[in-house]
Amino acid sequence: MPVYSYRCGTCGVQFDRKQKFTDQSLTRCPECGKKSLHKVYSPVGIVFKG
């Protein structure tokens, strides 16, 4: 299962959550309870050899 990072736009808390591909994205912040969560996308390190 992949690990997704979320950040709350209201209180700024950031956390990681392990979810299935078929699970719905989280929307409610566990800290402040507001519906302002967004997924945080991080760059993936790729090395090309050749």
N, C-alpha and C. Protein backbone atom coordinates (compact mmCIF):
# COMPACT_ATOMS: atom_id res chain seq x y z
N MET A 1 0.85 -1.18 0.00
CA MET A 1 0.00 0.00 0.00
C MET A 1 0.89 1.24 0.00
N PRO A 2 0.52 2.23 -0.79
CA PRO A 2 1.32 3.46 -0.84
C PRO A 2 1.07 4.33 0.39
N VAL A 3 2.02 5.19 0.67
CA VAL A 3 1.92 6.15 1.76
C VAL A 3 1.72 7.53 1.15
N TYR A 4 0.67 8.22 1.56
CA TYR A 4 0.36 9.55 1.06
C TYR A 4 0.61 10.58 2.15
N SER A 5 1.12 11.74 1.75
CA SER A 5 1.32 12.85 2.67
C SER A 5 0.18 13.84 2.49
N TYR A 6 -0.34 14.32 3.60
CA TYR A 6 -1.43 15.30 3.59
C TYR A 6 -1.00 16.52 4.40
N ARG A 7 -1.54 17.69 4.00
CA ARG A 7 -1.30 18.93 4.75
C ARG A 7 -2.63 19.67 4.86
N CYS A 8 -2.90 20.19 6.05
CA CYS A 8 -4.11 20.97 6.29
C CYS A 8 -3.85 22.42 5.89
N GLY A 9 -4.74 22.98 5.09
CA GLY A 9 -4.62 24.37 4.67
C GLY A 9 -5.01 25.35 5.76
N THR A 10 -5.69 24.90 6.80
CA THR A 10 -6.13 25.78 7.87
C THR A 10 -5.11 25.86 9.00
N CYS A 11 -4.75 24.71 9.57
CA CYS A 11 -3.85 24.72 10.74
C CYS A 11 -2.41 24.36 10.39
N GLY A 12 -2.16 23.85 9.16
CA GLY A 12 -0.79 23.58 8.72
C GLY A 12 -0.21 22.24 9.15
N VAL A 13 -0.98 21.41 9.84
CA VAL A 13 -0.46 20.11 10.27
C VAL A 13 -0.20 19.25 9.03
N GLN A 14 0.89 18.49 9.06
CA GLN A 14 1.23 17.59 7.97
C GLN A 14 1.44 16.20 8.53
N PHE A 15 0.93 15.17 7.83
CA PHE A 15 1.06 13.80 8.30
C PHE A 15 1.02 12.85 7.12
N ASP A 16 1.46 11.62 7.35
CA ASP A 16 1.46 10.57 6.34
C ASP A 16 0.41 9.53 6.70
N ARG A 17 -0.21 8.95 5.67
CA ARG A 17 -1.23 7.93 5.90
C ARG A 17 -1.07 6.83 4.86
N LYS A 18 -1.05 5.59 5.32
CA LYS A 18 -0.98 4.44 4.41
C LYS A 18 -2.40 4.11 3.97
N GLN A 19 -2.62 4.12 2.64
CA GLN A 19 -3.95 3.87 2.10
C GLN A 19 -3.87 2.97 0.88
N LYS A 20 -4.95 2.28 0.59
CA LYS A 20 -5.06 1.50 -0.64
C LYS A 20 -5.29 2.45 -1.81
N PHE A 21 -4.99 1.97 -3.02
CA PHE A 21 -5.25 2.78 -4.21
C PHE A 21 -6.74 3.09 -4.36
N THR A 22 -7.58 2.19 -3.89
CA THR A 22 -9.02 2.35 -4.05
C THR A 22 -9.66 3.20 -2.95
N ASP A 23 -8.93 3.56 -1.91
CA ASP A 23 -9.47 4.38 -0.83
C ASP A 23 -9.69 5.81 -1.30
N GLN A 24 -10.71 6.45 -0.76
CA GLN A 24 -10.95 7.86 -1.03
C GLN A 24 -9.88 8.71 -0.34
N SER A 25 -9.54 9.85 -0.94
CA SER A 25 -8.60 10.78 -0.31
C SER A 25 -9.23 11.35 0.95
N LEU A 26 -8.41 11.61 1.95
CA LEU A 26 -8.90 12.22 3.17
C LEU A 26 -9.23 13.68 2.91
N THR A 27 -10.24 14.21 3.58
CA THR A 27 -10.61 15.61 3.41
C THR A 27 -10.68 16.36 4.74
N ARG A 28 -10.92 15.65 5.84
CA ARG A 28 -11.08 16.31 7.14
C ARG A 28 -9.80 16.18 7.96
N CYS A 29 -9.32 17.30 8.49
CA CYS A 29 -8.10 17.34 9.29
C CYS A 29 -8.33 16.68 10.65
N PRO A 30 -7.44 15.78 11.07
CA PRO A 30 -7.61 15.14 12.37
C PRO A 30 -7.32 16.08 13.55
N GLU A 31 -6.62 17.18 13.30
CA GLU A 31 -6.28 18.13 14.37
C GLU A 31 -7.38 19.17 14.59
N CYS A 32 -7.74 19.90 13.53
CA CYS A 32 -8.69 21.00 13.69
C CYS A 32 -10.11 20.63 13.25
N GLY A 33 -10.27 19.51 12.52
CA GLY A 33 -11.59 19.05 12.12
C GLY A 33 -12.16 19.72 10.88
N LYS A 34 -11.43 20.64 10.26
CA LYS A 34 -11.92 21.34 9.07
C LYS A 34 -11.67 20.50 7.82
N LYS A 35 -12.46 20.73 6.80
CA LYS A 35 -12.30 20.02 5.52
C LYS A 35 -11.35 20.79 4.62
N SER A 36 -10.08 20.79 4.98
CA SER A 36 -9.10 21.55 4.19
C SER A 36 -7.82 20.77 3.96
N LEU A 37 -7.92 19.43 3.89
CA LEU A 37 -6.73 18.61 3.64
C LEU A 37 -6.43 18.53 2.15
N HIS A 38 -5.15 18.55 1.82
CA HIS A 38 -4.69 18.40 0.45
C HIS A 38 -3.52 17.44 0.44
N LYS A 39 -3.43 16.62 -0.61
CA LYS A 39 -2.28 15.73 -0.75
C LYS A 39 -1.05 16.56 -1.09
N VAL A 40 0.08 16.16 -0.50
CA VAL A 40 1.36 16.82 -0.78
C VAL A 40 2.13 15.90 -1.71
N TYR A 41 2.48 16.41 -2.87
CA TYR A 41 3.22 15.61 -3.86
C TYR A 41 4.70 15.94 -3.75
N SER A 42 5.51 14.91 -3.63
CA SER A 42 6.96 15.06 -3.52
C SER A 42 7.61 14.53 -4.79
N PRO A 43 8.72 15.15 -5.20
CA PRO A 43 9.41 14.63 -6.39
C PRO A 43 10.01 13.26 -6.11
N VAL A 44 10.06 12.46 -7.14
CA VAL A 44 10.60 11.11 -7.05
C VAL A 44 12.00 11.12 -7.64
N GLY A 45 12.95 10.53 -6.92
CA GLY A 45 14.32 10.48 -7.41
C GLY A 45 14.49 9.37 -8.43
N ILE A 46 14.89 9.74 -9.64
CA ILE A 46 15.13 8.77 -10.71
C ILE A 46 16.54 8.96 -11.22
N VAL A 47 17.24 7.85 -11.39
CA VAL A 47 18.61 7.90 -11.93
C VAL A 47 18.63 7.10 -13.22
N PHE A 48 19.05 7.77 -14.30
CA PHE A 48 19.19 7.10 -15.59
C PHE A 48 20.66 6.78 -15.80
N LYS A 49 20.95 5.55 -16.09
CA LYS A 49 22.33 5.15 -16.35
C LYS A 49 22.49 4.86 -17.83
N GLY A 50 23.63 5.25 -18.34
CA GLY A 50 23.84 4.94 -19.74
C GLY A 50 24.86 5.73 -20.35
